Amino acid sequence: MSHQPGTIRSFIAIELPEELIETIRKLQEDLRKYRLNIRWVRPENIHLTLKFLGNISEEDVAPITGVLKTATDTTEPFHLRGQGIGIFPGISRPRVVWVGMSGDVEPLKEFQLRVEEGLEQLGFPKEKRPFRSHLTLGRVKGKVEKRILLEAIEQLGNFESDSFTADSIILFRSDLQRGGAVYTKLAEVPFL
């Protein structure tokens, strides 16, 4: 399958419920008080991303949706909650601040692998790093005070959201605009 560059920038993700988005908004407000050199993701733009596809063409949408349908055929909805705060790749070289997930993370990992393997058959390269379910809160811009970042995580690291049910998987289109990324659903596939 040919992936025409410069067409549709896309990714596969689970949408977060409104209540969780609000909880994350409050958490980001608490983190902002530390005045760290971090560009925060707009809460309404935060998803639980399972696979970033990069550029695809219109013709790719149907086969990708087919892979998602096959993967969801045997999958029940996931019960998840946001829990804890972490840093990728680590405190010595902080790049991304994220919220971890708890609940059905093992079944989610298995599901993500099924999606990954199905997409590999369509010609999408498999992710080299193991999948870790997380929600990206913000990205470090240049230098950051590691001591203050550690302090923030110590203070707020016991963060835990209410549990939510993930009952569908979505293929999103991402359009980068002046005000930030705008996401559009290209396909939505419900779990069992």
N, C-alpha and C. Protein backbone atom coordinates (compact mmCIF):
# COMPACT_ATOMS: atom_id res chain seq x y z
N MET A 1 0.86 -1.20 0.00
CA MET A 1 0.00 0.00 0.00
C MET A 1 0.89 1.24 0.00
N SER A 2 0.58 2.19 -0.85
CA SER A 2 1.44 3.39 -0.89
C SER A 2 0.87 4.44 0.04
N HIS A 3 1.71 4.93 0.93
CA HIS A 3 1.30 5.99 1.83
C HIS A 3 1.79 7.30 1.22
N GLN A 4 0.87 7.99 0.59
CA GLN A 4 1.26 9.25 -0.06
C GLN A 4 1.61 10.29 0.98
N PRO A 5 2.84 10.80 0.98
CA PRO A 5 3.18 11.82 1.96
C PRO A 5 2.38 13.10 1.72
N GLY A 6 2.22 13.84 2.79
CA GLY A 6 1.59 15.16 2.65
C GLY A 6 0.09 15.10 2.47
N THR A 7 -0.54 13.96 2.80
CA THR A 7 -1.98 13.88 2.63
C THR A 7 -2.69 14.04 3.98
N ILE A 8 -3.03 12.93 4.63
CA ILE A 8 -3.74 13.03 5.90
C ILE A 8 -2.82 12.59 7.04
N ARG A 9 -2.54 13.51 7.94
CA ARG A 9 -1.73 13.16 9.12
C ARG A 9 -2.69 12.52 10.11
N SER A 10 -2.36 11.31 10.58
CA SER A 10 -3.37 10.60 11.35
C SER A 10 -2.79 9.75 12.48
N PHE A 11 -3.68 9.39 13.41
CA PHE A 11 -3.30 8.52 14.52
C PHE A 11 -4.53 7.78 15.02
N ILE A 12 -4.28 6.70 15.78
CA ILE A 12 -5.36 5.88 16.33
C ILE A 12 -5.37 6.08 17.84
N ALA A 13 -6.55 6.36 18.40
CA ALA A 13 -6.59 6.70 19.82
C ALA A 13 -7.94 6.38 20.44
N ILE A 14 -7.95 6.41 21.77
CA ILE A 14 -9.18 6.30 22.54
C ILE A 14 -9.50 7.70 23.05
N GLU A 15 -10.76 8.09 22.87
CA GLU A 15 -11.19 9.42 23.29
C GLU A 15 -11.43 9.42 24.80
N LEU A 16 -11.13 10.54 25.43
CA LEU A 16 -11.31 10.64 26.89
C LEU A 16 -12.66 11.28 27.20
N PRO A 17 -13.31 10.85 28.28
CA PRO A 17 -14.58 11.48 28.66
C PRO A 17 -14.35 12.89 29.21
N GLU A 18 -15.39 13.69 29.13
CA GLU A 18 -15.36 15.10 29.56
C GLU A 18 -14.84 15.25 30.99
N GLU A 19 -15.29 14.36 31.90
CA GLU A 19 -14.89 14.49 33.31
C GLU A 19 -13.37 14.33 33.46
N LEU A 20 -12.79 13.40 32.71
CA LEU A 20 -11.35 13.18 32.80
C LEU A 20 -10.59 14.38 32.22
N ILE A 21 -11.12 14.94 31.15
CA ILE A 21 -10.49 16.13 30.55
C ILE A 21 -10.46 17.27 31.57
N GLU A 22 -11.56 17.41 32.31
CA GLU A 22 -11.63 18.46 33.35
C GLU A 22 -10.63 18.20 34.46
N THR A 23 -10.50 16.92 34.88
CA THR A 23 -9.55 16.54 35.92
C THR A 23 -8.12 16.87 35.47
N ILE A 24 -7.83 16.58 34.20
CA ILE A 24 -6.50 16.85 33.65
C ILE A 24 -6.26 18.36 33.57
N ARG A 25 -7.30 19.10 33.23
CA ARG A 25 -7.19 20.57 33.17
C ARG A 25 -6.74 21.11 34.53
N LYS A 26 -7.36 20.60 35.59
CA LYS A 26 -7.01 21.04 36.96
C LYS A 26 -5.58 20.64 37.31
N LEU A 27 -5.18 19.43 36.91
CA LEU A 27 -3.83 18.96 37.18
C LEU A 27 -2.80 19.85 36.47
N GLN A 28 -3.10 20.20 35.22
CA GLN A 28 -2.19 21.09 34.48
C GLN A 28 -2.09 22.46 35.15
N GLU A 29 -3.22 22.96 35.66
CA GLU A 29 -3.20 24.26 36.37
C GLU A 29 -2.28 24.18 37.58
N ASP A 30 -2.35 23.05 38.31
CA ASP A 30 -1.46 22.87 39.47
C ASP A 30 0.00 22.80 39.03
N LEU A 31 0.26 22.13 37.92
CA LEU A 31 1.63 22.01 37.43
C LEU A 31 2.16 23.35 36.91
N ARG A 32 1.27 24.15 36.32
CA ARG A 32 1.67 25.48 35.79
C ARG A 32 2.25 26.37 36.88
N LYS A 33 1.78 26.18 38.11
CA LYS A 33 2.23 27.03 39.22
C LYS A 33 3.73 26.90 39.45
N TYR A 34 4.33 25.81 38.98
CA TYR A 34 5.77 25.61 39.14
C TYR A 34 6.59 26.37 38.09
N ARG A 35 5.89 27.00 37.15
CA ARG A 35 6.52 27.84 36.12
C ARG A 35 7.66 27.13 35.38
N LEU A 36 7.38 25.90 34.98
CA LEU A 36 8.38 25.12 34.25
C LEU A 36 8.32 25.47 32.77
N ASN A 37 9.43 25.25 32.09
CA ASN A 37 9.53 25.57 30.67
C ASN A 37 8.90 24.43 29.85
N ILE A 38 7.57 24.33 29.98
CA ILE A 38 6.84 23.22 29.34
C ILE A 38 5.69 23.79 28.53
N ARG A 39 5.53 23.25 27.31
CA ARG A 39 4.38 23.64 26.48
C ARG A 39 3.28 22.62 26.76
N TRP A 40 2.22 23.09 27.43
CA TRP A 40 1.15 22.18 27.85
C TRP A 40 0.20 21.88 26.70
N VAL A 41 -0.22 20.63 26.60
CA VAL A 41 -1.19 20.23 25.57
C VAL A 41 -2.56 20.72 26.02
N ARG A 42 -3.35 21.25 25.08
CA ARG A 42 -4.71 21.66 25.44
C ARG A 42 -5.48 20.43 25.91
N PRO A 43 -6.11 20.49 27.10
CA PRO A 43 -6.76 19.29 27.66
C PRO A 43 -7.72 18.61 26.69
N GLU A 44 -8.48 19.42 25.93
CA GLU A 44 -9.46 18.81 25.00
C GLU A 44 -8.77 18.09 23.83
N ASN A 45 -7.46 18.31 23.68
CA ASN A 45 -6.71 17.63 22.63
C ASN A 45 -5.97 16.40 23.12
N ILE A 46 -6.15 16.05 24.40
CA ILE A 46 -5.44 14.89 24.95
C ILE A 46 -6.24 13.62 24.69
N HIS A 47 -5.56 12.63 24.13
CA HIS A 47 -6.17 11.33 23.86
C HIS A 47 -5.25 10.24 24.40
N LEU A 48 -5.78 9.03 24.48
CA LEU A 48 -4.95 7.87 24.79
C LEU A 48 -4.54 7.29 23.43
N THR A 49 -3.37 7.70 22.95
CA THR A 49 -2.93 7.32 21.61
C THR A 49 -2.37 5.90 21.61
N LEU A 50 -2.86 5.09 20.66
CA LEU A 50 -2.39 3.71 20.54
C LEU A 50 -1.38 3.56 19.41
N LYS A 51 -1.51 4.42 18.39
CA LYS A 51 -0.58 4.32 17.27
C LYS A 51 -0.61 5.62 16.47
N PHE A 52 0.58 6.19 16.25
CA PHE A 52 0.69 7.36 15.38
C PHE A 52 1.03 6.84 13.99
N LEU A 53 0.23 7.19 13.00
CA LEU A 53 0.41 6.64 11.65
C LEU A 53 1.22 7.55 10.74
N GLY A 54 1.25 8.85 11.06
CA GLY A 54 1.90 9.78 10.14
C GLY A 54 0.97 10.06 8.97
N ASN A 55 1.53 10.25 7.80
CA ASN A 55 0.72 10.60 6.63
C ASN A 55 0.13 9.38 5.94
N ILE A 56 -1.18 9.43 5.73
CA ILE A 56 -1.85 8.36 4.99
C ILE A 56 -2.64 9.01 3.86
N SER A 57 -3.16 8.20 2.96
CA SER A 57 -4.00 8.75 1.88
C SER A 57 -5.45 8.36 2.14
N GLU A 58 -6.37 8.97 1.41
CA GLU A 58 -7.81 8.66 1.54
C GLU A 58 -8.06 7.16 1.40
N GLU A 59 -7.30 6.53 0.46
CA GLU A 59 -7.50 5.10 0.19
C GLU A 59 -7.10 4.23 1.38
N ASP A 60 -6.26 4.75 2.25
CA ASP A 60 -5.81 3.96 3.42
C ASP A 60 -6.89 3.86 4.50
N VAL A 61 -7.85 4.79 4.50
CA VAL A 61 -8.81 4.86 5.61
C VAL A 61 -9.61 3.57 5.76
N ALA A 62 -10.14 3.03 4.65
CA ALA A 62 -10.98 1.81 4.73
C ALA A 62 -10.18 0.60 5.23
N PRO A 63 -8.98 0.31 4.67
CA PRO A 63 -8.22 -0.84 5.19
C PRO A 63 -7.81 -0.68 6.66
N ILE A 64 -7.46 0.54 7.07
CA ILE A 64 -7.10 0.78 8.48
C ILE A 64 -8.31 0.51 9.36
N THR A 65 -9.48 1.01 8.92
CA THR A 65 -10.72 0.78 9.67
C THR A 65 -10.99 -0.72 9.76
N GLY A 66 -10.69 -1.45 8.69
CA GLY A 66 -10.85 -2.91 8.68
C GLY A 66 -9.99 -3.57 9.74
N VAL A 67 -8.76 -3.11 9.88
CA VAL A 67 -7.84 -3.64 10.91
C VAL A 67 -8.44 -3.38 12.30
N LEU A 68 -8.96 -2.17 12.51
CA LEU A 68 -9.55 -1.82 13.80
C LEU A 68 -10.77 -2.70 14.10
N LYS A 69 -11.58 -2.98 13.06
CA LYS A 69 -12.78 -3.83 13.25
C LYS A 69 -12.36 -5.23 13.64
N THR A 70 -11.35 -5.77 12.99
CA THR A 70 -10.86 -7.12 13.31
C THR A 70 -10.34 -7.16 14.74
N ALA A 71 -9.59 -6.14 15.13
CA ALA A 71 -9.00 -6.10 16.48
C ALA A 71 -10.08 -5.95 17.55
N THR A 72 -11.16 -5.23 17.26
CA THR A 72 -12.20 -4.99 18.27
C THR A 72 -13.19 -6.16 18.36
N ASP A 73 -13.19 -7.03 17.35
CA ASP A 73 -14.14 -8.16 17.32
C ASP A 73 -14.13 -8.97 18.60
N THR A 74 -12.95 -9.12 19.19
CA THR A 74 -12.81 -9.98 20.37
C THR A 74 -12.51 -9.17 21.63
N THR A 75 -12.75 -7.87 21.57
CA THR A 75 -12.32 -7.00 22.68
C THR A 75 -13.51 -6.36 23.38
N GLU A 76 -13.55 -6.52 24.69
CA GLU A 76 -14.57 -5.85 25.49
C GLU A 76 -14.07 -4.46 25.85
N PRO A 77 -14.99 -3.54 26.21
CA PRO A 77 -14.55 -2.21 26.63
C PRO A 77 -13.54 -2.27 27.78
N PHE A 78 -12.66 -1.28 27.83
CA PHE A 78 -11.64 -1.22 28.87
C PHE A 78 -12.10 -0.29 29.99
N HIS A 79 -11.78 -0.67 31.23
CA HIS A 79 -12.03 0.21 32.37
C HIS A 79 -10.67 0.76 32.80
N LEU A 80 -10.52 2.06 32.67
CA LEU A 80 -9.22 2.69 32.89
C LEU A 80 -9.35 3.90 33.80
N ARG A 81 -8.22 4.32 34.36
CA ARG A 81 -8.18 5.60 35.08
C ARG A 81 -6.78 6.18 34.95
N GLY A 82 -6.72 7.51 34.97
CA GLY A 82 -5.42 8.17 34.97
C GLY A 82 -4.81 8.02 36.35
N GLN A 83 -3.51 7.68 36.40
CA GLN A 83 -2.87 7.51 37.71
C GLN A 83 -1.38 7.79 37.62
N GLY A 84 -0.92 8.71 38.48
CA GLY A 84 0.51 9.01 38.55
C GLY A 84 0.99 9.92 37.43
N ILE A 85 2.14 10.53 37.67
CA ILE A 85 2.76 11.42 36.67
C ILE A 85 4.16 10.91 36.39
N GLY A 86 4.55 10.94 35.14
CA GLY A 86 5.90 10.48 34.79
C GLY A 86 6.55 11.37 33.76
N ILE A 87 7.79 11.01 33.41
CA ILE A 87 8.57 11.79 32.44
C ILE A 87 9.21 10.83 31.45
N PHE A 88 9.10 11.14 30.16
CA PHE A 88 9.84 10.40 29.12
C PHE A 88 11.00 11.26 28.68
N PRO A 89 12.18 10.72 28.33
CA PRO A 89 12.59 9.36 28.63
C PRO A 89 12.99 9.19 30.09
N GLY A 90 13.24 10.28 30.81
CA GLY A 90 13.58 10.21 32.24
C GLY A 90 14.00 11.57 32.73
N ILE A 91 14.23 11.70 34.02
CA ILE A 91 14.53 13.01 34.62
C ILE A 91 15.86 13.57 34.13
N SER A 92 16.79 12.68 33.73
CA SER A 92 18.09 13.21 33.28
C SER A 92 17.96 13.95 31.94
N ARG A 93 16.95 13.56 31.14
CA ARG A 93 16.75 14.24 29.85
C ARG A 93 15.24 14.38 29.62
N PRO A 94 14.56 15.18 30.45
CA PRO A 94 13.09 15.24 30.36
C PRO A 94 12.62 15.84 29.04
N ARG A 95 11.69 15.14 28.38
CA ARG A 95 11.12 15.62 27.11
C ARG A 95 9.61 15.77 27.19
N VAL A 96 8.97 14.76 27.83
CA VAL A 96 7.51 14.72 27.86
C VAL A 96 7.04 14.44 29.29
N VAL A 97 6.04 15.21 29.73
CA VAL A 97 5.41 14.97 31.04
C VAL A 97 4.06 14.30 30.76
N TRP A 98 3.81 13.20 31.45
CA TRP A 98 2.61 12.42 31.15
C TRP A 98 1.93 11.90 32.39
N VAL A 99 0.65 11.50 32.20
CA VAL A 99 -0.13 10.83 33.23
C VAL A 99 -0.20 9.36 32.84
N GLY A 100 0.06 8.47 33.81
CA GLY A 100 -0.01 7.04 33.53
C GLY A 100 -1.45 6.54 33.58
N MET A 101 -1.63 5.28 33.21
CA MET A 101 -2.96 4.67 33.25
C MET A 101 -2.93 3.46 34.17
N SER A 102 -4.05 3.22 34.83
CA SER A 102 -4.20 1.98 35.60
C SER A 102 -5.56 1.37 35.24
N GLY A 103 -5.81 0.17 35.73
CA GLY A 103 -7.04 -0.54 35.34
C GLY A 103 -6.69 -1.63 34.35
N ASP A 104 -7.46 -1.72 33.26
CA ASP A 104 -7.26 -2.78 32.26
C ASP A 104 -6.08 -2.50 31.33
N VAL A 105 -4.92 -2.22 31.90
CA VAL A 105 -3.78 -1.84 31.05
C VAL A 105 -3.19 -3.04 30.31
N GLU A 106 -3.26 -4.24 30.92
CA GLU A 106 -2.72 -5.43 30.22
C GLU A 106 -3.58 -5.80 29.01
N PRO A 107 -4.92 -5.92 29.17
CA PRO A 107 -5.76 -6.18 27.99
C PRO A 107 -5.60 -5.08 26.94
N LEU A 108 -5.42 -3.83 27.38
CA LEU A 108 -5.23 -2.73 26.44
C LEU A 108 -3.93 -2.92 25.65
N LYS A 109 -2.88 -3.36 26.34
CA LYS A 109 -1.59 -3.62 25.70
C LYS A 109 -1.73 -4.72 24.64
N GLU A 110 -2.47 -5.78 24.99
CA GLU A 110 -2.69 -6.88 24.05
C GLU A 110 -3.48 -6.39 22.84
N PHE A 111 -4.47 -5.55 23.08
CA PHE A 111 -5.28 -5.00 21.99
C PHE A 111 -4.41 -4.13 21.08
N GLN A 112 -3.57 -3.29 21.69
CA GLN A 112 -2.70 -2.41 20.92
C GLN A 112 -1.78 -3.23 20.02
N LEU A 113 -1.32 -4.35 20.53
CA LEU A 113 -0.43 -5.23 19.76
C LEU A 113 -1.18 -5.83 18.56
N ARG A 114 -2.44 -6.20 18.76
CA ARG A 114 -3.25 -6.73 17.64
C ARG A 114 -3.41 -5.66 16.56
N VAL A 115 -3.66 -4.43 17.00
CA VAL A 115 -3.78 -3.31 16.03
C VAL A 115 -2.45 -3.14 15.29
N GLU A 116 -1.38 -3.11 16.06
CA GLU A 116 -0.02 -2.94 15.52
C GLU A 116 0.29 -4.02 14.47
N GLU A 117 -0.03 -5.26 14.79
CA GLU A 117 0.25 -6.37 13.87
C GLU A 117 -0.61 -6.31 12.62
N GLY A 118 -1.87 -5.91 12.79
CA GLY A 118 -2.77 -5.76 11.64
C GLY A 118 -2.28 -4.65 10.71
N LEU A 119 -1.82 -3.56 11.30
CA LEU A 119 -1.34 -2.42 10.51
C LEU A 119 -0.02 -2.75 9.81
N GLU A 120 0.77 -3.60 10.45
CA GLU A 120 2.05 -4.00 9.86
C GLU A 120 1.80 -4.72 8.53
N GLN A 121 0.71 -5.48 8.48
CA GLN A 121 0.36 -6.18 7.23
C GLN A 121 -0.07 -5.21 6.15
N LEU A 122 -0.45 -4.01 6.54
CA LEU A 122 -0.80 -2.98 5.54
C LEU A 122 0.44 -2.16 5.15
N GLY A 123 1.56 -2.45 5.80
CA GLY A 123 2.79 -1.74 5.43
C GLY A 123 3.21 -0.64 6.40
N PHE A 124 2.51 -0.54 7.54
CA PHE A 124 2.92 0.46 8.55
C PHE A 124 3.98 -0.18 9.45
N PRO A 125 5.16 0.44 9.57
CA PRO A 125 6.20 -0.18 10.39
C PRO A 125 5.77 -0.30 11.85
N LYS A 126 6.17 -1.40 12.45
CA LYS A 126 5.84 -1.67 13.85
C LYS A 126 6.68 -0.76 14.74
N GLU A 127 6.07 -0.28 15.81
CA GLU A 127 6.77 0.57 16.78
C GLU A 127 7.87 -0.25 17.45
N LYS A 128 9.07 0.34 17.53
CA LYS A 128 10.19 -0.40 18.14
C LYS A 128 10.06 -0.45 19.66
N ARG A 129 9.61 0.66 20.24
CA ARG A 129 9.50 0.70 21.70
C ARG A 129 8.23 -0.01 22.15
N PRO A 130 8.28 -0.67 23.31
CA PRO A 130 7.05 -1.31 23.81
C PRO A 130 6.00 -0.25 24.14
N PHE A 131 4.75 -0.59 23.95
CA PHE A 131 3.65 0.34 24.18
C PHE A 131 3.47 0.58 25.68
N ARG A 132 3.39 1.86 26.06
CA ARG A 132 3.07 2.23 27.44
C ARG A 132 1.91 3.21 27.41
N SER A 133 0.78 2.78 27.97
CA SER A 133 -0.41 3.65 27.91
C SER A 133 -0.18 4.88 28.78
N HIS A 134 -0.35 6.04 28.17
CA HIS A 134 -0.14 7.30 28.90
C HIS A 134 -0.88 8.43 28.19
N LEU A 135 -1.07 9.52 28.90
CA LEU A 135 -1.68 10.73 28.35
C LEU A 135 -0.62 11.83 28.41
N THR A 136 -0.29 12.41 27.28
CA THR A 136 0.74 13.46 27.25
C THR A 136 0.16 14.77 27.78
N LEU A 137 0.77 15.28 28.85
CA LEU A 137 0.32 16.55 29.45
C LEU A 137 1.02 17.74 28.82
N GLY A 138 2.32 17.56 28.54
CA GLY A 138 3.09 18.68 28.01
C GLY A 138 4.45 18.23 27.52
N ARG A 139 5.09 19.10 26.73
CA ARG A 139 6.42 18.82 26.19
C ARG A 139 7.40 19.88 26.65
N VAL A 140 8.56 19.42 27.09
CA VAL A 140 9.59 20.31 27.61
C VAL A 140 10.16 21.13 26.45
N LYS A 141 10.28 22.45 26.65
CA LYS A 141 10.87 23.33 25.64
C LYS A 141 12.25 23.75 26.13
N GLY A 142 13.28 23.25 25.49
CA GLY A 142 14.64 23.66 25.88
C GLY A 142 14.98 23.20 27.29
N LYS A 143 15.59 24.12 28.05
CA LYS A 143 16.05 23.76 29.41
C LYS A 143 14.90 23.82 30.41
N VAL A 144 14.97 22.88 31.37
CA VAL A 144 13.95 22.87 32.41
C VAL A 144 14.66 22.64 33.74
N GLU A 145 14.15 23.30 34.78
CA GLU A 145 14.72 23.13 36.13
C GLU A 145 14.35 21.74 36.64
N LYS A 146 15.28 20.80 36.57
CA LYS A 146 14.96 19.42 36.95
C LYS A 146 14.53 19.31 38.41
N ARG A 147 15.19 20.09 39.26
CA ARG A 147 14.87 20.04 40.69
C ARG A 147 13.41 20.43 40.92
N ILE A 148 12.97 21.47 40.22
CA ILE A 148 11.58 21.94 40.38
C ILE A 148 10.60 20.94 39.75
N LEU A 149 11.02 20.36 38.62
CA LEU A 149 10.18 19.36 37.96
C LEU A 149 9.99 18.16 38.89
N LEU A 150 11.06 17.72 39.53
CA LEU A 150 10.98 16.60 40.48
C LEU A 150 10.07 16.95 41.66
N GLU A 151 10.21 18.18 42.12
CA GLU A 151 9.39 18.65 43.25
C GLU A 151 7.90 18.61 42.87
N ALA A 152 7.61 19.07 41.66
CA ALA A 152 6.22 19.09 41.17
C ALA A 152 5.66 17.67 41.12
N ILE A 153 6.48 16.74 40.62
CA ILE A 153 6.02 15.35 40.51
C ILE A 153 5.86 14.72 41.89
N GLU A 154 6.75 15.07 42.81
CA GLU A 154 6.60 14.55 44.18
C GLU A 154 5.31 15.06 44.82
N GLN A 155 5.03 16.34 44.59
CA GLN A 155 3.84 16.94 45.19
C GLN A 155 2.54 16.41 44.56
N LEU A 156 2.55 16.23 43.23
CA LEU A 156 1.32 15.91 42.52
C LEU A 156 1.27 14.49 41.98
N GLY A 157 2.34 13.72 42.22
CA GLY A 157 2.49 12.39 41.62
C GLY A 157 1.49 11.35 42.07
N ASN A 158 0.77 11.62 43.18
CA ASN A 158 -0.23 10.64 43.61
C ASN A 158 -1.59 10.91 42.95
N PHE A 159 -1.55 11.67 41.86
CA PHE A 159 -2.75 11.98 41.07
C PHE A 159 -3.48 10.70 40.67
N GLU A 160 -4.80 10.74 40.82
CA GLU A 160 -5.62 9.62 40.37
C GLU A 160 -6.97 10.16 39.92
N SER A 161 -7.40 9.76 38.74
CA SER A 161 -8.70 10.24 38.23
C SER A 161 -9.77 9.19 38.53
N ASP A 162 -11.02 9.56 38.27
CA ASP A 162 -12.10 8.57 38.35
C ASP A 162 -11.90 7.56 37.24
N SER A 163 -12.49 6.39 37.41
CA SER A 163 -12.42 5.34 36.40
C SER A 163 -13.36 5.71 35.23
N PHE A 164 -12.99 5.31 34.03
CA PHE A 164 -13.88 5.53 32.88
C PHE A 164 -13.85 4.30 31.99
N THR A 165 -14.88 4.18 31.15
CA THR A 165 -14.97 3.03 30.24
C THR A 165 -14.64 3.49 28.83
N ALA A 166 -13.64 2.84 28.24
CA ALA A 166 -13.28 3.12 26.85
C ALA A 166 -14.05 2.13 25.99
N ASP A 167 -15.03 2.62 25.22
CA ASP A 167 -15.87 1.67 24.48
C ASP A 167 -15.75 1.78 22.96
N SER A 168 -14.80 2.59 22.49
CA SER A 168 -14.57 2.62 21.04
C SER A 168 -13.15 3.09 20.75
N ILE A 169 -12.70 2.77 19.55
CA ILE A 169 -11.37 3.18 19.08
C ILE A 169 -11.58 4.08 17.87
N ILE A 170 -10.75 5.11 17.75
CA ILE A 170 -10.99 6.12 16.71
C ILE A 170 -9.75 6.35 15.86
N LEU A 171 -9.97 6.44 14.55
CA LEU A 171 -8.93 6.89 13.63
C LEU A 171 -9.13 8.39 13.47
N PHE A 172 -8.16 9.17 13.92
CA PHE A 172 -8.25 10.63 13.89
C PHE A 172 -7.40 11.21 12.78
N ARG A 173 -7.89 12.29 12.23
CA ARG A 173 -7.10 13.13 11.34
C ARG A 173 -6.60 14.30 12.16
N SER A 174 -5.36 14.71 11.94
CA SER A 174 -4.79 15.83 12.68
C SER A 174 -4.38 16.93 11.71
N ASP A 175 -4.96 18.11 11.88
CA ASP A 175 -4.60 19.26 11.04
C ASP A 175 -3.94 20.30 11.92
N LEU A 176 -2.70 20.63 11.59
CA LEU A 176 -1.99 21.64 12.39
C LEU A 176 -2.40 23.02 11.91
N GLN A 177 -2.99 23.79 12.81
CA GLN A 177 -3.42 25.15 12.48
C GLN A 177 -2.77 26.12 13.44
N ARG A 178 -2.99 27.40 13.18
CA ARG A 178 -2.31 28.42 13.97
C ARG A 178 -2.59 28.27 15.46
N GLY A 179 -3.82 27.94 15.81
CA GLY A 179 -4.18 27.82 17.23
C GLY A 179 -3.81 26.47 17.84
N GLY A 180 -3.14 25.61 17.06
CA GLY A 180 -2.80 24.26 17.54
C GLY A 180 -3.45 23.21 16.65
N ALA A 181 -3.31 21.97 17.05
CA ALA A 181 -3.83 20.87 16.23
C ALA A 181 -5.35 20.79 16.36
N VAL A 182 -6.00 20.47 15.23
CA VAL A 182 -7.44 20.25 15.21
C VAL A 182 -7.65 18.80 14.79
N TYR A 183 -8.43 18.04 15.58
CA TYR A 183 -8.61 16.62 15.32
C TYR A 183 -10.01 16.33 14.80
N THR A 184 -10.09 15.51 13.77
CA THR A 184 -11.36 15.11 13.17
C THR A 184 -11.43 13.60 13.13
N LYS A 185 -12.59 13.03 13.48
CA LYS A 185 -12.75 11.58 13.43
C LYS A 185 -12.94 11.13 11.98
N LEU A 186 -12.09 10.21 11.54
CA LEU A 186 -12.23 9.63 10.20
C LEU A 186 -13.05 8.33 10.28
N ALA A 187 -12.89 7.62 11.40
CA ALA A 187 -13.64 6.38 11.61
C ALA A 187 -13.69 6.09 13.10
N GLU A 188 -14.80 5.53 13.55
CA GLU A 188 -14.92 5.13 14.96
C GLU A 188 -15.48 3.71 15.00
N VAL A 189 -14.78 2.83 15.72
CA VAL A 189 -15.17 1.42 15.79
C VAL A 189 -15.44 1.07 17.24
N PRO A 190 -16.67 0.64 17.57
CA PRO A 190 -16.99 0.29 18.96
C PRO A 190 -16.39 -1.05 19.35
N PHE A 191 -16.07 -1.22 20.64
CA PHE A 191 -15.68 -2.52 21.15
C PHE A 191 -16.96 -3.36 21.27
N LEU A 192 -16.80 -4.62 21.61
CA LEU A 192 -17.93 -5.55 21.74
C LEU A 192 -19.18 -4.94 22.35
